[in-house]
Amino acid sequence: MMIVTDNINIAAVFKRTARVSFINELKIDNERIIRVVTTGGRQYSIDDVDYFLIDGVRKEKNKAFEILKSIF
C-alpha cells in the first residue's frame, strides 16, 4: 500500500546526516512503514529515518503510522 502525503506536511529526519526532507509518499506493508519517498524522488528505507515531523511536531517512527492511519 502507498500513502501520498499531499494534504499534510510530513518530513523525515535522517539518522546519519540529520537532514530533513519532505515526504511525498510512504510505502506500507503489514501495518508498518517500510520506505519513504522524498519530494525529490529519492527512496529511503525506514531504517535510515530517525523520526518524523508531522505538521511540525516530532513523532517517533513507531507512532507515526498510527497517527497517519487516523488521518487517512
N, C-alpha and C. Protein backbone atom coordinates (compact mmCIF):
# COMPACT_ATOMS: atom_id res chain seq x y z
N MET A 1 0.85 -1.17 0.00
CA MET A 1 0.00 0.00 0.00
C MET A 1 0.90 1.23 0.00
N MET A 2 0.38 2.30 -0.57
CA MET A 2 1.15 3.52 -0.64
C MET A 2 0.25 4.68 -0.19
N ILE A 3 0.79 5.57 0.63
CA ILE A 3 0.07 6.76 1.05
C ILE A 3 0.76 7.96 0.42
N VAL A 4 0.01 8.77 -0.31
CA VAL A 4 0.53 10.02 -0.87
C VAL A 4 0.20 11.11 0.13
N THR A 5 1.20 11.87 0.52
CA THR A 5 1.04 12.83 1.62
C THR A 5 0.86 14.26 1.12
N ASP A 6 -0.04 14.47 0.18
CA ASP A 6 -0.24 15.81 -0.39
C ASP A 6 -0.95 16.76 0.56
N ASN A 7 -1.85 16.27 1.39
CA ASN A 7 -2.68 17.15 2.19
C ASN A 7 -2.14 17.41 3.60
N ILE A 8 -1.00 16.82 3.97
CA ILE A 8 -0.38 17.12 5.26
C ILE A 8 1.10 17.37 5.05
N ASN A 9 1.70 18.08 5.98
CA ASN A 9 3.14 18.31 5.94
C ASN A 9 3.83 17.24 6.76
N ILE A 10 4.59 16.40 6.09
CA ILE A 10 5.34 15.36 6.79
C ILE A 10 6.77 15.37 6.26
N ALA A 11 7.70 15.34 7.19
CA ALA A 11 9.12 15.33 6.83
C ALA A 11 9.79 14.22 7.63
N ALA A 12 10.91 13.75 7.10
CA ALA A 12 11.71 12.74 7.79
C ALA A 12 13.05 13.35 8.15
N VAL A 13 13.52 13.04 9.34
CA VAL A 13 14.85 13.45 9.78
C VAL A 13 15.70 12.18 9.75
N PHE A 14 16.78 12.23 8.99
CA PHE A 14 17.59 11.04 8.78
C PHE A 14 18.68 10.90 9.83
N LYS A 15 19.01 9.65 10.17
CA LYS A 15 19.92 9.34 11.27
C LYS A 15 21.32 9.90 11.09
N ARG A 16 21.99 9.53 10.03
CA ARG A 16 23.41 9.85 9.89
C ARG A 16 23.68 11.32 9.64
N THR A 17 22.83 11.95 8.86
CA THR A 17 23.11 13.32 8.44
C THR A 17 22.27 14.37 9.17
N ALA A 18 21.23 13.96 9.86
CA ALA A 18 20.26 14.86 10.50
C ALA A 18 19.59 15.76 9.46
N ARG A 19 19.63 15.34 8.21
CA ARG A 19 18.99 16.09 7.12
C ARG A 19 17.47 15.92 7.22
N VAL A 20 16.76 16.98 6.91
CA VAL A 20 15.30 16.95 6.92
C VAL A 20 14.82 17.00 5.47
N SER A 21 13.97 16.06 5.08
CA SER A 21 13.41 16.02 3.73
C SER A 21 11.91 15.85 3.82
N PHE A 22 11.21 16.62 3.00
CA PHE A 22 9.76 16.45 2.95
C PHE A 22 9.43 15.16 2.22
N ILE A 23 8.38 14.50 2.68
CA ILE A 23 7.99 13.19 2.17
C ILE A 23 6.80 13.35 1.22
N ASN A 24 6.91 12.69 0.08
CA ASN A 24 5.84 12.69 -0.91
C ASN A 24 4.99 11.43 -0.80
N GLU A 25 5.62 10.28 -0.53
CA GLU A 25 4.91 9.01 -0.44
C GLU A 25 5.49 8.16 0.69
N LEU A 26 4.64 7.37 1.29
CA LEU A 26 5.05 6.37 2.27
C LEU A 26 4.61 5.01 1.76
N LYS A 27 5.52 4.07 1.69
CA LYS A 27 5.16 2.72 1.26
C LYS A 27 4.99 1.86 2.51
N ILE A 28 3.85 1.17 2.57
CA ILE A 28 3.45 0.45 3.77
C ILE A 28 3.22 -1.02 3.46
N ASP A 29 3.66 -1.87 4.38
CA ASP A 29 3.44 -3.31 4.27
C ASP A 29 3.16 -3.85 5.66
N ASN A 30 2.09 -4.58 5.81
CA ASN A 30 1.72 -5.20 7.10
C ASN A 30 1.66 -4.19 8.24
N GLU A 31 0.95 -3.08 8.01
CA GLU A 31 0.75 -2.08 9.06
C GLU A 31 2.06 -1.45 9.53
N ARG A 32 3.06 -1.36 8.65
CA ARG A 32 4.35 -0.79 9.01
C ARG A 32 4.89 0.00 7.83
N ILE A 33 5.43 1.18 8.12
CA ILE A 33 6.08 1.97 7.06
C ILE A 33 7.39 1.28 6.72
N ILE A 34 7.63 0.99 5.44
CA ILE A 34 8.86 0.31 5.05
C ILE A 34 9.79 1.20 4.23
N ARG A 35 9.21 2.13 3.45
CA ARG A 35 10.04 3.02 2.63
C ARG A 35 9.41 4.40 2.61
N VAL A 36 10.25 5.41 2.44
CA VAL A 36 9.78 6.77 2.27
C VAL A 36 10.32 7.30 0.95
N VAL A 37 9.51 8.09 0.27
CA VAL A 37 9.92 8.70 -1.00
C VAL A 37 9.85 10.21 -0.79
N THR A 38 10.99 10.88 -0.99
CA THR A 38 11.04 12.32 -0.77
C THR A 38 10.43 13.05 -1.95
N THR A 39 10.22 14.36 -1.78
CA THR A 39 9.66 15.15 -2.87
C THR A 39 10.60 15.19 -4.06
N GLY A 40 11.89 14.95 -3.83
CA GLY A 40 12.86 14.89 -4.93
C GLY A 40 12.88 13.54 -5.65
N GLY A 41 12.10 12.57 -5.15
CA GLY A 41 12.01 11.28 -5.80
C GLY A 41 12.94 10.21 -5.24
N ARG A 42 13.78 10.56 -4.30
CA ARG A 42 14.68 9.56 -3.72
C ARG A 42 13.93 8.66 -2.75
N GLN A 43 14.28 7.38 -2.76
CA GLN A 43 13.65 6.41 -1.86
C GLN A 43 14.64 6.00 -0.78
N TYR A 44 14.13 5.93 0.44
CA TYR A 44 14.96 5.53 1.58
C TYR A 44 14.22 4.47 2.38
N SER A 45 14.99 3.60 2.99
CA SER A 45 14.44 2.60 3.90
C SER A 45 14.01 3.30 5.19
N ILE A 46 13.05 2.73 5.87
CA ILE A 46 12.61 3.28 7.15
C ILE A 46 13.75 3.21 8.17
N ASP A 47 14.71 2.31 7.98
CA ASP A 47 15.84 2.18 8.89
C ASP A 47 16.76 3.40 8.86
N ASP A 48 16.71 4.17 7.76
CA ASP A 48 17.52 5.38 7.64
C ASP A 48 16.89 6.58 8.33
N VAL A 49 15.63 6.46 8.70
CA VAL A 49 14.89 7.58 9.30
C VAL A 49 15.03 7.53 10.82
N ASP A 50 15.36 8.67 11.41
CA ASP A 50 15.44 8.76 12.87
C ASP A 50 14.05 9.02 13.46
N TYR A 51 13.35 10.04 12.93
CA TYR A 51 11.99 10.34 13.36
C TYR A 51 11.30 11.17 12.29
N PHE A 52 10.01 11.36 12.44
CA PHE A 52 9.21 12.15 11.50
C PHE A 52 8.78 13.46 12.14
N LEU A 53 8.55 14.45 11.31
CA LEU A 53 7.92 15.69 11.71
C LEU A 53 6.58 15.74 10.99
N ILE A 54 5.49 15.66 11.75
CA ILE A 54 4.15 15.70 11.16
C ILE A 54 3.53 17.02 11.57
N ASP A 55 3.31 17.88 10.58
CA ASP A 55 2.84 19.25 10.82
C ASP A 55 3.70 19.95 11.87
N GLY A 56 5.02 19.72 11.80
CA GLY A 56 5.97 20.39 12.67
C GLY A 56 6.16 19.78 14.04
N VAL A 57 5.47 18.69 14.33
CA VAL A 57 5.58 18.04 15.64
C VAL A 57 6.37 16.74 15.49
N ARG A 58 7.36 16.56 16.36
CA ARG A 58 8.20 15.35 16.30
C ARG A 58 7.40 14.12 16.71
N LYS A 59 7.47 13.09 15.86
CA LYS A 59 6.81 11.81 16.14
C LYS A 59 7.80 10.69 15.87
N GLU A 60 7.93 9.79 16.81
CA GLU A 60 8.83 8.65 16.62
C GLU A 60 8.29 7.75 15.52
N LYS A 61 9.18 6.97 14.92
CA LYS A 61 8.80 6.13 13.78
C LYS A 61 7.64 5.19 14.11
N ASN A 62 7.68 4.58 15.27
CA ASN A 62 6.65 3.60 15.60
C ASN A 62 5.29 4.25 15.86
N LYS A 63 5.26 5.52 16.21
CA LYS A 63 3.99 6.22 16.45
C LYS A 63 3.46 6.90 15.19
N ALA A 64 4.32 7.15 14.22
CA ALA A 64 3.93 7.90 13.03
C ALA A 64 2.84 7.19 12.23
N PHE A 65 2.97 5.88 12.07
CA PHE A 65 1.97 5.16 11.29
C PHE A 65 0.60 5.23 11.95
N GLU A 66 0.56 5.11 13.26
CA GLU A 66 -0.73 5.18 13.97
C GLU A 66 -1.40 6.53 13.75
N ILE A 67 -0.62 7.59 13.78
CA ILE A 67 -1.16 8.93 13.56
C ILE A 67 -1.63 9.09 12.12
N LEU A 68 -0.83 8.62 11.18
CA LEU A 68 -1.22 8.74 9.77
C LEU A 68 -2.44 7.89 9.47
N LYS A 69 -2.57 6.74 10.10
CA LYS A 69 -3.73 5.89 9.89
C LYS A 69 -5.01 6.60 10.34
N SER A 70 -4.91 7.35 11.43
CA SER A 70 -6.09 8.09 11.90
C SER A 70 -6.44 9.25 10.97
N ILE A 71 -5.44 9.82 10.29
CA ILE A 71 -5.70 10.92 9.36
C ILE A 71 -6.35 10.41 8.08
N PHE A 72 -5.82 9.30 7.56
CA PHE A 72 -6.32 8.77 6.30
C PHE A 72 -7.40 7.76 6.58
